Amino acid sequence: MGAWILALAWIAPLAFAVWASLHPPGSALHATGPLTLANFAAAWRAAPWLRYLLNTTLLTGTILIGQLLVCTLAAFAFARLRLPGKHLLFGVVLMQLFVLPEVLLVENYRTVTRLGLFDSVIGTALPYVASAFGIFLLRQAFRQVPRELDEAARVEGCGWLGVLWHVYVPAARPVYLAYALVSVASHWNNFLWPLVVTNSARTRPVTVGLSLFGAPENGVDIAVISAGTLIAIAPLLTGFLIFQRQFVDAFLRSGIR
């Protein structure tokens, strides 16, 4: 019963957005009314959604590629290599989990500006490339790989990178999928940092574009705003509906509860 209540509470805002977007502005808050798709047409004309969605796709893709590269190498080093002070360094990395991104907002802004990456996709993605959560998750997965496979690959002539690519990465495939889903969903919905570091439609992601689209100075039309909201979340929602089985299986296999 509790699960049903939580499910209804979670889906209620989405259901209302769908209802409001399909009704004329005057009927959006009424129980009955004619259905129309005019709100979606009006919302699409009011903002460069295609550019926003492209920017968001490039941003989440850049972050994910960077995270997979950095986290894989760091996790492998912490899991298998003999390094002086390895456990201390790993503890320092885990301390990142206790630091909210908002705390580093000003310093990240100064760093990105000094690098000349303000108002760019690379500058927006840069603070998220190193993920303590990703390093921790992959380290735990790599530690579960039998040493015998590692040694067999070394006997066959593989170097450390060869062992990593041919043994550890395939063994941790469910973990990679689970982490990719979390990363894409998280950064697709990220708002504060992109709001600070972007200044034009050329680089603005969909979350910032949606906030400008629904700003009071642009007029408050709940039906059109609901249509714009559905346009913004449509790719993420569609991806989840298509891959929901893989989504759940990846989390169960990777040990995330």
Protein backbone atom coordinates (compact mmCIF):
# COMPACT_ATOMS: atom_id res chain seq x y z
CA MET A 1 0.00 0.00 0.00
CA GLY A 2 2.81 2.37 0.91
CA ALA A 3 4.53 1.69 -2.41
CA TRP A 4 1.35 2.59 -4.30
CA ILE A 5 1.00 5.83 -2.35
CA LEU A 6 4.61 6.77 -3.10
CA ALA A 7 4.13 5.87 -6.78
CA LEU A 8 1.01 8.03 -7.02
CA ALA A 9 2.74 10.93 -5.26
CA TRP A 10 5.69 10.63 -7.66
CA ILE A 11 3.62 10.46 -10.84
CA ALA A 12 1.02 13.08 -9.87
CA PRO A 13 3.04 16.13 -11.13
CA LEU A 14 3.77 14.36 -14.41
CA ALA A 15 0.11 13.40 -14.83
CA PHE A 16 -0.95 16.99 -14.18
CA ALA A 17 1.59 18.30 -16.72
CA VAL A 18 0.23 15.90 -19.35
CA TRP A 19 -3.36 16.93 -18.54
CA ALA A 20 -2.63 20.67 -18.62
CA SER A 21 -0.59 20.47 -21.83
CA LEU A 22 -3.47 18.81 -23.71
CA HIS A 23 -6.09 21.42 -22.77
CA PRO A 24 -6.58 25.05 -23.70
CA PRO A 25 -5.23 27.58 -21.15
CA GLY A 26 -8.69 28.30 -19.79
CA SER A 27 -9.45 24.62 -19.24
CA ALA A 28 -6.08 23.43 -17.92
CA LEU A 29 -7.24 23.44 -14.29
CA HIS A 30 -10.72 22.06 -14.95
CA ALA A 31 -11.79 18.42 -14.79
CA THR A 32 -13.16 18.50 -18.32
CA GLY A 33 -12.34 20.33 -21.52
CA PRO A 34 -11.45 19.85 -25.19
CA LEU A 35 -8.15 18.20 -26.09
CA THR A 36 -5.62 20.09 -28.18
CA LEU A 37 -1.98 19.92 -29.28
CA ALA A 38 -1.75 23.67 -29.84
CA ASN A 39 0.16 24.13 -26.56
CA PHE A 40 3.03 22.00 -27.85
CA ALA A 41 3.19 24.01 -31.07
CA ALA A 42 3.19 27.28 -29.11
CA ALA A 43 5.89 26.03 -26.72
CA TRP A 44 8.07 24.76 -29.58
CA ARG A 45 7.93 28.15 -31.32
CA ALA A 46 8.71 30.06 -28.12
CA ALA A 47 12.18 28.62 -27.47
CA PRO A 48 15.02 26.90 -29.40
CA TRP A 49 14.29 23.48 -27.87
CA LEU A 50 16.23 21.56 -30.49
CA ARG A 51 19.37 23.51 -29.62
CA TYR A 52 18.75 23.08 -25.89
CA LEU A 53 18.32 19.32 -26.28
CA LEU A 54 21.45 19.08 -28.43
CA ASN A 55 23.44 21.04 -25.85
CA THR A 56 22.19 18.79 -23.06
CA THR A 57 23.04 15.66 -25.04
CA LEU A 58 26.56 16.94 -25.73
CA LEU A 59 26.97 17.93 -22.07
CA THR A 60 25.84 14.63 -20.58
CA GLY A 61 27.82 12.69 -23.18
CA THR A 62 31.01 14.66 -22.50
CA ILE A 63 30.64 14.20 -18.74
CA LEU A 64 29.94 10.48 -19.08
CA ILE A 65 32.92 9.81 -21.37
CA GLY A 66 35.22 11.77 -19.06
CA GLN A 67 33.89 10.01 -15.97
CA LEU A 68 34.22 6.55 -17.46
CA LEU A 69 37.83 7.21 -18.45
CA VAL A 70 38.95 8.86 -15.20
CA CYS A 71 36.95 6.61 -12.88
CA THR A 72 38.08 3.42 -14.62
CA LEU A 73 41.78 4.27 -14.35
CA ALA A 74 41.49 5.51 -10.76
CA ALA A 75 39.37 2.55 -9.65
CA PHE A 76 41.77 0.06 -11.21
CA ALA A 77 44.71 1.71 -9.47
CA PHE A 78 42.94 1.62 -6.10
CA ALA A 79 41.73 -1.96 -6.60
CA ARG A 80 44.78 -3.74 -7.98
CA LEU A 81 47.97 -1.67 -8.05
CA ARG A 82 50.37 -1.46 -5.13
CA LEU A 83 50.74 2.21 -4.36
CA PRO A 84 52.20 3.90 -1.27
CA GLY A 85 49.44 5.53 0.76
CA LYS A 86 46.76 4.01 -1.47
CA HIS A 87 44.17 3.62 1.28
CA LEU A 88 44.76 7.15 2.52
CA LEU A 89 44.35 8.53 -1.00
CA PHE A 90 41.17 6.53 -1.45
CA GLY A 91 39.81 7.98 1.78
CA VAL A 92 40.56 11.48 0.49
CA VAL A 93 38.70 10.69 -2.74
CA LEU A 94 35.68 9.46 -0.77
CA MET A 95 35.61 12.74 1.15
CA GLN A 96 34.31 14.30 -2.08
CA LEU A 97 31.02 12.51 -1.39
CA PHE A 98 30.52 14.75 1.66
CA VAL A 99 31.10 17.99 -0.25
CA LEU A 100 28.05 19.46 -1.97
CA PRO A 101 28.74 20.78 -5.49
CA GLU A 102 27.19 24.12 -4.47
CA VAL A 103 30.02 24.66 -1.99
CA LEU A 104 32.55 24.71 -4.83
CA LEU A 105 30.43 26.86 -7.13
CA VAL A 106 32.50 30.04 -6.84
CA GLU A 107 35.85 28.29 -7.07
CA ASN A 108 34.73 26.23 -10.07
CA TYR A 109 33.51 29.41 -11.74
CA ARG A 110 36.88 31.11 -11.18
CA THR A 111 38.77 28.08 -12.51
CA VAL A 112 36.64 27.69 -15.62
CA THR A 113 36.90 31.43 -16.35
CA ARG A 114 40.69 31.41 -15.99
CA LEU A 115 40.88 28.49 -18.42
CA GLY A 116 38.84 30.46 -20.95
CA LEU A 117 36.07 27.86 -20.91
CA PHE A 118 33.21 30.07 -19.74
CA ASP A 119 29.99 29.57 -21.73
CA SER A 120 31.18 26.32 -23.29
CA VAL A 121 30.15 22.67 -23.07
CA ILE A 122 33.64 21.65 -21.93
CA GLY A 123 33.61 24.27 -19.17
CA THR A 124 30.19 23.14 -17.97
CA ALA A 125 31.26 19.49 -17.92
CA LEU A 126 34.74 19.92 -16.42
CA PRO A 127 33.86 19.98 -12.66
CA TYR A 128 32.02 16.65 -12.94
CA VAL A 129 34.59 14.59 -14.82
CA ALA A 130 36.12 13.13 -11.63
CA SER A 131 33.40 11.36 -9.64
CA ALA A 132 34.10 9.88 -6.21
CA PHE A 133 30.94 7.81 -6.48
CA GLY A 134 32.05 6.36 -9.83
CA ILE A 135 35.54 5.57 -8.51
CA PHE A 136 34.08 3.86 -5.44
CA LEU A 137 31.55 1.86 -7.46
CA LEU A 138 34.08 0.61 -10.03
CA ARG A 139 36.70 -0.12 -7.37
CA GLN A 140 34.25 -2.39 -5.57
CA ALA A 141 33.43 -4.13 -8.87
CA PHE A 142 37.10 -4.59 -9.80
CA ARG A 143 37.92 -6.04 -6.38
CA GLN A 144 35.42 -8.84 -7.05
CA VAL A 145 37.25 -9.99 -10.20
CA PRO A 146 39.22 -13.20 -9.45
CA ARG A 147 42.97 -12.73 -9.29
CA GLU A 148 43.39 -15.81 -11.48
CA LEU A 149 41.97 -13.96 -14.49
CA ASP A 150 44.35 -11.11 -13.85
CA GLU A 151 47.33 -13.47 -13.67
CA ALA A 152 46.24 -15.41 -16.77
CA ALA A 153 46.11 -12.22 -18.79
CA ARG A 154 49.55 -11.23 -17.53
CA VAL A 155 50.93 -14.64 -18.57
CA GLU A 156 49.48 -14.11 -22.05
CA GLY A 157 51.57 -10.96 -22.34
CA CYS A 158 49.04 -8.25 -21.50
CA GLY A 159 50.28 -5.08 -19.84
CA TRP A 160 48.31 -3.30 -17.16
CA LEU A 161 46.12 -1.49 -19.68
CA GLY A 162 45.54 -4.74 -21.57
CA VAL A 163 44.49 -6.49 -18.37
CA LEU A 164 42.17 -3.62 -17.55
CA TRP A 165 40.55 -3.60 -20.99
CA HIS A 166 40.26 -7.36 -21.55
CA VAL A 167 39.50 -8.56 -18.00
CA TYR A 168 38.17 -5.88 -15.66
CA VAL A 169 36.06 -3.75 -17.98
CA PRO A 170 34.03 -6.70 -19.39
CA ALA A 171 33.54 -8.12 -15.89
CA ALA A 172 32.14 -4.79 -14.65
CA ARG A 173 29.78 -4.20 -17.59
CA PRO A 174 26.57 -4.17 -15.47
CA VAL A 175 28.17 -1.63 -13.14
CA TYR A 176 29.13 0.57 -16.08
CA LEU A 177 25.55 0.48 -17.37
CA ALA A 178 24.11 1.31 -13.95
CA TYR A 179 26.54 4.17 -13.43
CA ALA A 180 25.92 5.53 -16.95
CA LEU A 181 22.18 5.66 -16.27
CA VAL A 182 22.71 7.48 -12.98
CA SER A 183 25.17 9.93 -14.51
CA VAL A 184 23.03 10.81 -17.54
CA ALA A 185 19.86 11.24 -15.45
CA SER A 186 21.67 13.36 -12.85
CA HIS A 187 23.39 15.72 -15.27
CA TRP A 188 20.43 15.96 -17.62
CA ASN A 189 18.51 17.48 -14.70
CA ASN A 190 21.38 19.61 -13.36
CA PHE A 191 20.41 23.28 -13.16
CA LEU A 192 22.45 25.53 -10.86
CA TRP A 193 25.96 25.12 -12.30
CA PRO A 194 24.83 25.37 -15.97
CA LEU A 195 22.81 28.46 -15.03
CA VAL A 196 25.97 30.11 -13.65
CA VAL A 197 28.45 29.10 -16.35
CA THR A 198 26.36 29.45 -19.54
CA ASN A 199 25.28 32.74 -21.03
CA SER A 200 23.83 32.01 -24.46
CA ALA A 201 21.48 29.65 -26.28
CA ARG A 202 24.57 28.24 -28.03
CA THR A 203 25.57 26.36 -24.86
CA ARG A 204 22.50 26.58 -22.61
CA PRO A 205 21.12 23.14 -21.57
CA VAL A 206 17.44 22.31 -21.51
CA THR A 207 17.00 22.84 -17.75
CA VAL A 208 18.20 26.44 -17.96
CA GLY A 209 16.23 27.01 -21.15
CA LEU A 210 13.10 25.70 -19.45
CA SER A 211 13.56 28.07 -16.50
CA LEU A 212 13.83 31.04 -18.88
CA PHE A 213 10.87 29.79 -20.88
CA GLY A 214 8.70 29.61 -17.73
CA ALA A 215 9.92 32.89 -16.21
CA PRO A 216 7.09 35.21 -15.02
CA GLU A 217 8.23 38.04 -17.28
CA ASN A 218 7.46 35.83 -20.27
CA GLY A 219 3.89 35.35 -19.11
CA VAL A 220 2.50 32.54 -16.96
CA ASP A 221 0.49 30.16 -19.14
CA ILE A 222 0.28 26.87 -17.27
CA ALA A 223 -0.81 24.92 -20.35
CA VAL A 224 2.09 26.10 -22.54
CA ILE A 225 4.60 25.78 -19.67
CA SER A 226 3.43 22.20 -19.08
CA ALA A 227 3.91 21.46 -22.78
CA GLY A 228 7.43 22.91 -22.63
CA THR A 229 8.19 20.80 -19.54
CA LEU A 230 7.14 17.63 -21.36
CA ILE A 231 9.31 18.58 -24.34
CA ALA A 232 12.28 19.00 -21.98
CA ILE A 233 11.86 15.64 -20.24
CA ALA A 234 10.66 13.64 -23.26
CA PRO A 235 14.08 12.20 -24.30
CA LEU A 236 14.96 11.09 -20.76
CA LEU A 237 11.49 9.67 -20.10
CA THR A 238 11.44 7.86 -23.44
CA GLY A 239 14.86 6.35 -22.77
CA PHE A 240 13.75 5.13 -19.36
CA LEU A 241 10.55 3.55 -20.73
CA ILE A 242 12.48 1.77 -23.49
CA PHE A 243 15.32 0.54 -21.27
CA GLN A 244 13.50 0.12 -17.96
CA ARG A 245 14.21 -3.62 -17.79
CA GLN A 246 17.93 -3.08 -18.42
CA PHE A 247 17.82 -0.19 -15.96
CA VAL A 248 16.53 -2.37 -13.11
CA ASP A 249 18.71 -5.37 -14.00
CA ALA A 250 21.84 -3.22 -14.09
CA PHE A 251 21.19 -1.85 -10.64
CA LEU A 252 20.47 -5.29 -9.17
CA ARG A 253 23.58 -6.83 -10.69
CA SER A 254 25.82 -3.95 -9.68
CA GLY A 255 24.74 -4.20 -6.06
CA ILE A 256 23.02 -0.80 -5.87
CA ARG A 257 19.94 -0.94 -3.64
